[in-house]
Structures are given as C-alpha cells and as structure tokens.
Amino acid sequence: MIIPYPSHLNPGEASLIRVNMEKPSLTYLKELSNGNSTFEMKIFKILIEELPEEYNAYQNAIRTKNFYWAADIVHKIKQKVAFFQMHASVSISEEHESSLRSGKLKYQSDFQEIVTKILKFLPEHYD
C-alpha cells in the first residue's frame, strides 16, 4: 500500500511508515493454491515450522556479531515476507540485508518488527 507521506519525511522514513501499516496478506497463497485447502495447509505448516527457526538463527547470528550469516538468513526470510505481499517490508528487508553485509544494524528493529508481525499472523490463520 502506497500512501502519501508528509513533506518533512524523506522517502526512507516514508517506507518505515508503510511498513508499520502493512499487514501480511494471503492473496498470493490463495492464487497459488487455486482453492486447494490441503495445499494451503501444507504451505502454512512449512512457514510455521521454518520461520521461527530462521528467526532464532538470525538472532543468534546477531548476538554473535556474525553479520554475514545474519544477512544470509535475512535473505531467506525476505522470501517469506514477499510471499505475504508485504512490499514495503521486502524493501526494508533488502536494506537490512545489505546493511548487515556492511557490518551495520541500521534496520534491525524494523526487520524484527516485520518478522514478529508475520509470526503473530501465522497461528491466527492456521486451521
């Protein structure tokens, strides 16, 4: 969702506003499954199993200051963010991945917020 942003904000800050407003969507899964609920549940099961594991690995990489490893994990998680049609969040994830490869944590809190949002969303929509 693109929203106009106040003129006193730069585009990066506007992206963060959009990320805060953005919610995971099941649109892509519904299109991909073509109404096959068994397929949808299999995909959800994979996401519910993988995402927490990847996020824990990410947190461990950050804790040990292994930023290159953390960037690799962010790259994996970014694909899941894209799956939920969270376009502004994908952009922030890309920035975070790039920042980590430079040894910086500039987007860490934003990325954590994105993943937490998805982690809360998954169980609410898993039958």
N, C-alpha and C. Protein backbone atom coordinates (compact mmCIF):
# COMPACT_ATOMS: atom_id res chain seq x y z
N MET A 1 0.85 -1.15 0.00
CA MET A 1 0.00 0.00 0.00
C MET A 1 0.91 1.22 0.00
N ILE A 2 0.72 2.09 -0.96
CA ILE A 2 1.49 3.33 -1.01
C ILE A 2 0.60 4.45 -0.51
N ILE A 3 1.13 5.17 0.44
CA ILE A 3 0.37 6.29 0.98
C ILE A 3 1.21 7.55 0.84
N PRO A 4 0.58 8.68 0.67
CA PRO A 4 1.37 9.91 0.64
C PRO A 4 2.01 10.13 2.01
N TYR A 5 3.18 10.70 2.01
CA TYR A 5 3.84 10.93 3.28
C TYR A 5 4.08 12.42 3.47
N PRO A 6 4.12 12.83 4.72
CA PRO A 6 4.33 14.25 4.98
C PRO A 6 5.61 14.75 4.34
N SER A 7 5.60 15.96 3.87
CA SER A 7 6.74 16.52 3.15
C SER A 7 7.99 16.62 4.00
N HIS A 8 7.86 16.60 5.32
CA HIS A 8 9.05 16.70 6.17
C HIS A 8 9.77 15.36 6.32
N LEU A 9 9.20 14.27 5.77
CA LEU A 9 9.83 12.96 5.85
C LEU A 9 10.55 12.65 4.54
N ASN A 10 11.70 12.01 4.65
CA ASN A 10 12.37 11.56 3.43
C ASN A 10 11.77 10.22 3.00
N PRO A 11 12.04 9.75 1.77
CA PRO A 11 11.43 8.50 1.30
C PRO A 11 11.74 7.31 2.20
N GLY A 12 12.92 7.23 2.80
CA GLY A 12 13.24 6.12 3.70
C GLY A 12 12.33 6.09 4.91
N GLU A 13 12.08 7.26 5.47
CA GLU A 13 11.17 7.35 6.62
C GLU A 13 9.75 7.00 6.19
N ALA A 14 9.39 7.39 4.99
CA ALA A 14 8.06 7.06 4.48
C ALA A 14 7.91 5.55 4.33
N SER A 15 8.98 4.86 3.91
CA SER A 15 8.94 3.41 3.81
C SER A 15 8.65 2.79 5.16
N LEU A 16 9.25 3.35 6.20
CA LEU A 16 9.02 2.82 7.54
C LEU A 16 7.58 3.01 7.98
N ILE A 17 6.98 4.11 7.59
CA ILE A 17 5.56 4.33 7.90
C ILE A 17 4.72 3.27 7.20
N ARG A 18 5.01 3.00 5.93
CA ARG A 18 4.26 1.99 5.20
C ARG A 18 4.45 0.62 5.82
N VAL A 19 5.67 0.30 6.27
CA VAL A 19 5.93 -0.98 6.92
C VAL A 19 5.07 -1.11 8.17
N ASN A 20 4.98 -0.06 8.96
CA ASN A 20 4.18 -0.10 10.18
C ASN A 20 2.71 -0.34 9.89
N MET A 21 2.23 0.13 8.76
CA MET A 21 0.82 -0.02 8.40
C MET A 21 0.55 -1.32 7.65
N GLU A 22 1.58 -1.92 7.12
CA GLU A 22 1.44 -3.09 6.26
C GLU A 22 1.08 -4.33 7.06
N LYS A 23 0.23 -5.16 6.48
CA LYS A 23 -0.19 -6.40 7.12
C LYS A 23 0.04 -7.56 6.17
N PRO A 24 0.37 -8.74 6.71
CA PRO A 24 0.52 -9.91 5.84
C PRO A 24 -0.78 -10.20 5.12
N SER A 25 -0.65 -10.67 3.90
CA SER A 25 -1.81 -11.00 3.08
C SER A 25 -1.71 -12.44 2.59
N LEU A 26 -2.84 -13.08 2.47
CA LEU A 26 -2.90 -14.44 1.95
C LEU A 26 -3.23 -14.48 0.45
N THR A 27 -3.25 -13.34 -0.19
CA THR A 27 -3.64 -13.25 -1.59
C THR A 27 -2.82 -14.17 -2.48
N TYR A 28 -1.51 -14.12 -2.34
CA TYR A 28 -0.64 -14.94 -3.19
C TYR A 28 -0.89 -16.43 -2.94
N LEU A 29 -1.03 -16.83 -1.68
CA LEU A 29 -1.30 -18.24 -1.36
C LEU A 29 -2.62 -18.68 -1.97
N LYS A 30 -3.63 -17.84 -1.89
CA LYS A 30 -4.95 -18.19 -2.46
C LYS A 30 -4.85 -18.36 -3.98
N GLU A 31 -4.10 -17.47 -4.62
CA GLU A 31 -3.92 -17.58 -6.07
C GLU A 31 -3.12 -18.83 -6.42
N LEU A 32 -2.08 -19.09 -5.67
CA LEU A 32 -1.21 -20.23 -5.92
C LEU A 32 -1.94 -21.55 -5.72
N SER A 33 -2.77 -21.61 -4.70
CA SER A 33 -3.46 -22.86 -4.36
C SER A 33 -4.67 -23.13 -5.23
N ASN A 34 -5.20 -22.07 -5.86
CA ASN A 34 -6.40 -22.22 -6.69
C ASN A 34 -7.52 -22.92 -5.93
N GLY A 35 -7.64 -22.55 -4.63
CA GLY A 35 -8.73 -23.09 -3.81
C GLY A 35 -8.44 -24.42 -3.16
N ASN A 36 -7.24 -24.97 -3.32
CA ASN A 36 -6.89 -26.26 -2.73
C ASN A 36 -6.47 -26.04 -1.28
N SER A 37 -7.39 -26.30 -0.35
CA SER A 37 -7.12 -26.03 1.06
C SER A 37 -6.04 -26.95 1.63
N THR A 38 -5.91 -28.16 1.10
CA THR A 38 -4.86 -29.08 1.55
C THR A 38 -3.49 -28.49 1.24
N PHE A 39 -3.35 -27.95 0.04
CA PHE A 39 -2.11 -27.31 -0.37
C PHE A 39 -1.81 -26.11 0.53
N GLU A 40 -2.84 -25.29 0.79
CA GLU A 40 -2.66 -24.12 1.65
C GLU A 40 -2.17 -24.52 3.03
N MET A 41 -2.74 -25.58 3.60
CA MET A 41 -2.33 -26.03 4.94
C MET A 41 -0.90 -26.55 4.93
N LYS A 42 -0.50 -27.23 3.86
CA LYS A 42 0.89 -27.71 3.76
C LYS A 42 1.87 -26.53 3.74
N ILE A 43 1.54 -25.51 2.98
CA ILE A 43 2.40 -24.33 2.91
C ILE A 43 2.45 -23.64 4.27
N PHE A 44 1.30 -23.48 4.91
CA PHE A 44 1.26 -22.86 6.24
C PHE A 44 2.11 -23.66 7.23
N LYS A 45 2.01 -24.97 7.18
CA LYS A 45 2.79 -25.81 8.10
C LYS A 45 4.28 -25.57 7.90
N ILE A 46 4.71 -25.48 6.66
CA ILE A 46 6.12 -25.21 6.36
C ILE A 46 6.53 -23.85 6.92
N LEU A 47 5.69 -22.84 6.69
CA LEU A 47 6.00 -21.49 7.18
C LEU A 47 6.06 -21.44 8.70
N ILE A 48 5.11 -22.09 9.35
CA ILE A 48 5.06 -22.10 10.81
C ILE A 48 6.28 -22.82 11.40
N GLU A 49 6.78 -23.82 10.70
CA GLU A 49 7.97 -24.55 11.18
C GLU A 49 9.26 -23.78 10.87
N GLU A 50 9.38 -23.26 9.65
CA GLU A 50 10.64 -22.67 9.21
C GLU A 50 10.90 -21.27 9.76
N LEU A 51 9.90 -20.42 9.73
CA LEU A 51 10.14 -19.02 10.10
C LEU A 51 10.67 -18.85 11.52
N PRO A 52 10.09 -19.49 12.52
CA PRO A 52 10.65 -19.33 13.88
C PRO A 52 12.09 -19.85 13.97
N GLU A 53 12.39 -20.95 13.29
CA GLU A 53 13.75 -21.49 13.29
C GLU A 53 14.72 -20.50 12.65
N GLU A 54 14.32 -19.95 11.51
CA GLU A 54 15.17 -18.99 10.82
C GLU A 54 15.36 -17.72 11.66
N TYR A 55 14.30 -17.28 12.29
CA TYR A 55 14.39 -16.08 13.11
C TYR A 55 15.31 -16.31 14.33
N ASN A 56 15.22 -17.48 14.93
CA ASN A 56 16.11 -17.81 16.04
C ASN A 56 17.57 -17.84 15.57
N ALA A 57 17.81 -18.41 14.40
CA ALA A 57 19.17 -18.44 13.84
C ALA A 57 19.65 -17.01 13.58
N TYR A 58 18.76 -16.16 13.07
CA TYR A 58 19.09 -14.75 12.83
C TYR A 58 19.51 -14.08 14.14
N GLN A 59 18.70 -14.28 15.18
CA GLN A 59 19.00 -13.66 16.47
C GLN A 59 20.34 -14.15 17.02
N ASN A 60 20.63 -15.43 16.82
CA ASN A 60 21.91 -15.99 17.25
C ASN A 60 23.06 -15.36 16.46
N ALA A 61 22.88 -15.20 15.17
CA ALA A 61 23.91 -14.58 14.33
C ALA A 61 24.16 -13.13 14.77
N ILE A 62 23.11 -12.41 15.09
CA ILE A 62 23.26 -11.03 15.56
C ILE A 62 23.98 -11.02 16.91
N ARG A 63 23.55 -11.91 17.79
CA ARG A 63 24.14 -11.97 19.14
C ARG A 63 25.65 -12.25 19.07
N THR A 64 26.06 -13.09 18.11
CA THR A 64 27.48 -13.44 17.98
C THR A 64 28.22 -12.51 17.01
N LYS A 65 27.50 -11.49 16.54
CA LYS A 65 28.06 -10.49 15.62
C LYS A 65 28.55 -11.10 14.31
N ASN A 66 27.90 -12.17 13.89
CA ASN A 66 28.21 -12.79 12.60
C ASN A 66 27.23 -12.20 11.58
N PHE A 67 27.54 -10.99 11.14
CA PHE A 67 26.62 -10.24 10.31
C PHE A 67 26.45 -10.84 8.91
N TYR A 68 27.49 -11.47 8.39
CA TYR A 68 27.36 -12.10 7.08
C TYR A 68 26.35 -13.26 7.14
N TRP A 69 26.44 -14.06 8.19
CA TRP A 69 25.48 -15.15 8.40
C TRP A 69 24.08 -14.58 8.59
N ALA A 70 23.98 -13.52 9.37
CA ALA A 70 22.68 -12.87 9.59
C ALA A 70 22.10 -12.39 8.26
N ALA A 71 22.94 -11.83 7.39
CA ALA A 71 22.46 -11.35 6.09
C ALA A 71 21.93 -12.51 5.25
N ASP A 72 22.60 -13.65 5.30
CA ASP A 72 22.11 -14.83 4.57
C ASP A 72 20.74 -15.26 5.08
N ILE A 73 20.56 -15.20 6.37
CA ILE A 73 19.26 -15.59 6.96
C ILE A 73 18.19 -14.57 6.59
N VAL A 74 18.53 -13.29 6.63
CA VAL A 74 17.59 -12.25 6.22
C VAL A 74 17.16 -12.49 4.78
N HIS A 75 18.09 -12.90 3.93
CA HIS A 75 17.75 -13.18 2.53
C HIS A 75 16.68 -14.28 2.45
N LYS A 76 16.82 -15.32 3.25
CA LYS A 76 15.83 -16.41 3.27
C LYS A 76 14.47 -15.90 3.78
N ILE A 77 14.51 -15.16 4.87
CA ILE A 77 13.27 -14.66 5.47
C ILE A 77 12.59 -13.67 4.53
N LYS A 78 13.38 -12.90 3.80
CA LYS A 78 12.83 -11.91 2.86
C LYS A 78 11.89 -12.58 1.85
N GLN A 79 12.20 -13.81 1.45
CA GLN A 79 11.34 -14.53 0.51
C GLN A 79 9.97 -14.80 1.13
N LYS A 80 9.96 -15.07 2.41
CA LYS A 80 8.69 -15.30 3.11
C LYS A 80 7.91 -13.99 3.25
N VAL A 81 8.62 -12.92 3.49
CA VAL A 81 7.98 -11.59 3.58
C VAL A 81 7.31 -11.28 2.24
N ALA A 82 8.00 -11.57 1.14
CA ALA A 82 7.43 -11.34 -0.19
C ALA A 82 6.21 -12.23 -0.42
N PHE A 83 6.25 -13.45 0.08
CA PHE A 83 5.14 -14.38 -0.06
C PHE A 83 3.85 -13.79 0.51
N PHE A 84 3.99 -13.01 1.58
CA PHE A 84 2.83 -12.39 2.23
C PHE A 84 2.49 -11.02 1.65
N GLN A 85 3.08 -10.71 0.48
CA GLN A 85 2.74 -9.49 -0.25
C GLN A 85 2.99 -8.22 0.57
N MET A 86 4.06 -8.22 1.32
CA MET A 86 4.42 -7.07 2.16
C MET A 86 5.54 -6.31 1.45
N HIS A 87 5.17 -5.53 0.46
CA HIS A 87 6.13 -4.92 -0.45
C HIS A 87 7.09 -3.93 0.22
N ALA A 88 6.58 -3.07 1.06
CA ALA A 88 7.45 -2.13 1.76
C ALA A 88 8.39 -2.88 2.71
N SER A 89 7.88 -3.94 3.30
CA SER A 89 8.69 -4.75 4.21
C SER A 89 9.80 -5.50 3.47
N VAL A 90 9.52 -5.91 2.24
CA VAL A 90 10.56 -6.54 1.42
C VAL A 90 11.68 -5.54 1.18
N SER A 91 11.32 -4.30 0.90
CA SER A 91 12.34 -3.27 0.67
C SER A 91 13.20 -3.05 1.91
N ILE A 92 12.56 -2.99 3.06
CA ILE A 92 13.30 -2.82 4.31
C ILE A 92 14.19 -4.04 4.55
N SER A 93 13.69 -5.23 4.26
CA SER A 93 14.48 -6.46 4.43
C SER A 93 15.71 -6.43 3.52
N GLU A 94 15.52 -5.95 2.29
CA GLU A 94 16.66 -5.82 1.37
C GLU A 94 17.69 -4.84 1.89
N GLU A 95 17.22 -3.72 2.42
CA GLU A 95 18.13 -2.73 3.00
C GLU A 95 18.87 -3.32 4.21
N HIS A 96 18.14 -4.07 5.01
CA HIS A 96 18.75 -4.69 6.19
C HIS A 96 19.82 -5.70 5.79
N GLU A 97 19.50 -6.51 4.80
CA GLU A 97 20.46 -7.50 4.30
C GLU A 97 21.74 -6.81 3.83
N SER A 98 21.58 -5.77 3.04
CA SER A 98 22.73 -5.02 2.52
C SER A 98 23.51 -4.35 3.66
N SER A 99 22.80 -3.78 4.60
CA SER A 99 23.42 -3.12 5.75
C SER A 99 24.23 -4.12 6.58
N LEU A 100 23.67 -5.32 6.78
CA LEU A 100 24.38 -6.34 7.54
C LEU A 100 25.68 -6.75 6.84
N ARG A 101 25.64 -6.82 5.53
CA ARG A 101 26.85 -7.20 4.78
C ARG A 101 27.94 -6.14 4.95
N SER A 102 27.53 -4.94 5.35
CA SER A 102 28.49 -3.87 5.65
C SER A 102 28.80 -3.78 7.14
N GLY A 103 28.26 -4.73 7.91
CA GLY A 103 28.52 -4.76 9.35
C GLY A 103 27.70 -3.77 10.15
N LYS A 104 26.58 -3.33 9.59
CA LYS A 104 25.74 -2.34 10.28
C LYS A 104 24.37 -2.92 10.60
N LEU A 105 23.78 -2.41 11.67
CA LEU A 105 22.48 -2.88 12.14
C LEU A 105 21.38 -1.83 11.96
N LYS A 106 21.53 -0.99 10.97
CA LYS A 106 20.64 0.16 10.78
C LYS A 106 19.16 -0.20 10.78
N TYR A 107 18.78 -1.31 10.16
CA TYR A 107 17.37 -1.66 10.01
C TYR A 107 16.95 -2.83 10.91
N GLN A 108 17.74 -3.14 11.90
CA GLN A 108 17.47 -4.31 12.73
C GLN A 108 16.09 -4.26 13.41
N SER A 109 15.77 -3.17 14.07
CA SER A 109 14.50 -3.11 14.79
C SER A 109 13.32 -3.18 13.82
N ASP A 110 13.45 -2.55 12.65
CA ASP A 110 12.38 -2.60 11.65
C ASP A 110 12.19 -4.03 11.16
N PHE A 111 13.30 -4.72 10.90
CA PHE A 111 13.23 -6.10 10.44
C PHE A 111 12.60 -7.00 11.50
N GLN A 112 12.99 -6.80 12.74
CA GLN A 112 12.41 -7.60 13.82
C GLN A 112 10.91 -7.37 13.93
N GLU A 113 10.49 -6.14 13.75
CA GLU A 113 9.05 -5.83 13.79
C GLU A 113 8.30 -6.55 12.67
N ILE A 114 8.90 -6.59 11.48
CA ILE A 114 8.30 -7.26 10.33
C ILE A 114 8.12 -8.75 10.62
N VAL A 115 9.18 -9.39 11.09
CA VAL A 115 9.12 -10.84 11.35
C VAL A 115 8.14 -11.13 12.48
N THR A 116 8.15 -10.32 13.51
CA THR A 116 7.22 -10.51 14.63
C THR A 116 5.77 -10.40 14.15
N LYS A 117 5.52 -9.47 13.26
CA LYS A 117 4.17 -9.30 12.72
C LYS A 117 3.72 -10.58 11.99
N ILE A 118 4.63 -11.17 11.20
CA ILE A 118 4.29 -12.39 10.47
C ILE A 118 4.13 -13.56 11.44
N LEU A 119 5.01 -13.65 12.43
CA LEU A 119 4.92 -14.73 13.41
C LEU A 119 3.61 -14.69 14.18
N LYS A 120 3.09 -13.51 14.45
CA LYS A 120 1.79 -13.38 15.12
C LYS A 120 0.65 -13.72 14.17
N PHE A 121 0.83 -13.39 12.91
CA PHE A 121 -0.20 -13.61 11.89
C PHE A 121 -0.41 -15.10 11.60
N LEU A 122 0.66 -15.87 11.52
CA LEU A 122 0.58 -17.27 11.11
C LEU A 122 -0.38 -18.11 11.95
N PRO A 123 -0.22 -18.16 13.26
CA PRO A 123 -1.14 -19.00 14.04
C PRO A 123 -2.59 -18.55 13.97
N GLU A 124 -2.80 -17.27 13.76
CA GLU A 124 -4.17 -16.74 13.68
C GLU A 124 -4.89 -17.25 12.44
N HIS A 125 -4.13 -17.65 11.41
CA HIS A 125 -4.74 -18.05 10.15
C HIS A 125 -4.51 -19.52 9.80
N TYR A 126 -3.96 -20.26 10.73
CA TYR A 126 -3.71 -21.68 10.54
C TYR A 126 -4.85 -22.47 11.15
N ASP A 127 -5.53 -23.24 10.37
CA ASP A 127 -6.69 -24.00 10.88
C ASP A 127 -6.26 -25.29 11.51
